[in-house]
Amino acid sequence: MNGQNRKNIHPGLAVAIIRKEDQRSGKQTQGRVKDILTSAPKHSRGIKVRLEDGQIGRVAAILTEE
């Protein structure tokens, strides 16, 4: 699964996001999805989400559940 398709993202999912201020460095932040902010079914740079801790960014990776 990748973070470019909205159908793969749902609340509670563990993901790694890239926040806007981290785009140049590529630093990823991990957390769980609270809200999906992108309404389009696909986005080339990743679906924008809000994490449970309030941070907003685009999904870079979906983390596998252990």
Protein backbone atom coordinates (compact mmCIF):
# COMPACT_ATOMS: atom_id res chain seq x y z
CA MET A 1 0.00 0.00 0.00
CA ASN A 2 1.17 3.51 -0.60
CA GLY A 3 0.18 6.89 0.78
CA GLN A 4 -0.95 8.31 -2.56
CA ASN A 5 -4.36 6.58 -2.58
CA ARG A 6 -7.03 7.83 -0.19
CA LYS A 7 -8.69 4.39 -0.05
CA ASN A 8 -5.58 3.01 1.74
CA ILE A 9 -5.77 5.58 4.57
CA HIS A 10 -8.16 5.42 7.52
CA PRO A 11 -8.31 6.83 11.07
CA GLY A 12 -6.14 4.89 13.52
CA LEU A 13 -3.67 3.76 10.83
CA ALA A 14 0.05 4.02 11.75
CA VAL A 15 1.84 6.18 9.16
CA ALA A 16 4.98 8.20 8.55
CA ILE A 17 4.31 11.73 7.30
CA ILE A 18 6.45 14.55 5.95
CA ARG A 19 5.40 17.91 7.38
CA LYS A 20 5.59 21.00 5.14
CA GLU A 21 8.55 22.44 7.05
CA ASP A 22 10.42 19.12 6.69
CA GLN A 23 9.98 18.76 2.92
CA ARG A 24 13.52 19.89 2.09
CA SER A 25 15.19 17.57 4.58
CA GLY A 26 12.74 14.69 4.04
CA LYS A 27 12.45 14.15 7.81
CA GLN A 28 9.56 11.81 8.59
CA THR A 29 7.28 11.93 11.62
CA GLN A 30 5.44 8.84 12.80
CA GLY A 31 1.98 8.72 14.30
CA ARG A 32 -1.59 7.55 13.91
CA VAL A 33 -4.12 9.16 11.56
CA LYS A 34 -6.87 11.20 13.20
CA ASP A 35 -8.37 12.96 10.14
CA ILE A 36 -7.94 12.71 6.36
CA LEU A 37 -7.64 16.23 4.93
CA THR A 38 -7.31 15.45 1.19
CA SER A 39 -10.70 14.96 -0.48
CA ALA A 40 -9.34 13.72 -3.83
CA PRO A 41 -9.06 9.92 -4.32
CA LYS A 42 -5.35 10.26 -5.28
CA HIS A 43 -2.55 12.76 -4.74
CA SER A 44 0.89 12.48 -6.34
CA ARG A 45 2.77 13.75 -3.26
CA GLY A 46 0.72 11.79 -0.73
CA ILE A 47 -2.62 12.16 1.04
CA LYS A 48 -2.64 14.99 3.60
CA VAL A 49 -3.61 13.87 7.11
CA ARG A 50 -3.79 15.15 10.67
CA LEU A 51 -2.18 12.88 13.25
CA GLU A 52 -3.67 12.21 16.69
CA ASP A 53 -1.12 14.64 18.20
CA GLY A 54 -2.27 17.44 15.83
CA GLN A 55 0.62 17.45 13.35
CA ILE A 56 -0.31 17.77 9.67
CA GLY A 57 1.58 16.37 6.70
CA ARG A 58 1.48 14.14 3.66
CA VAL A 59 1.68 10.37 4.05
CA ALA A 60 5.13 9.14 3.00
CA ALA A 61 4.67 5.55 4.15
CA ILE A 62 2.10 3.30 5.74
CA LEU A 63 3.70 1.47 8.64
CA THR A 64 2.96 -2.22 8.97
CA GLU A 65 1.15 -3.36 12.08
CA GLU A 66 3.15 -5.87 14.12
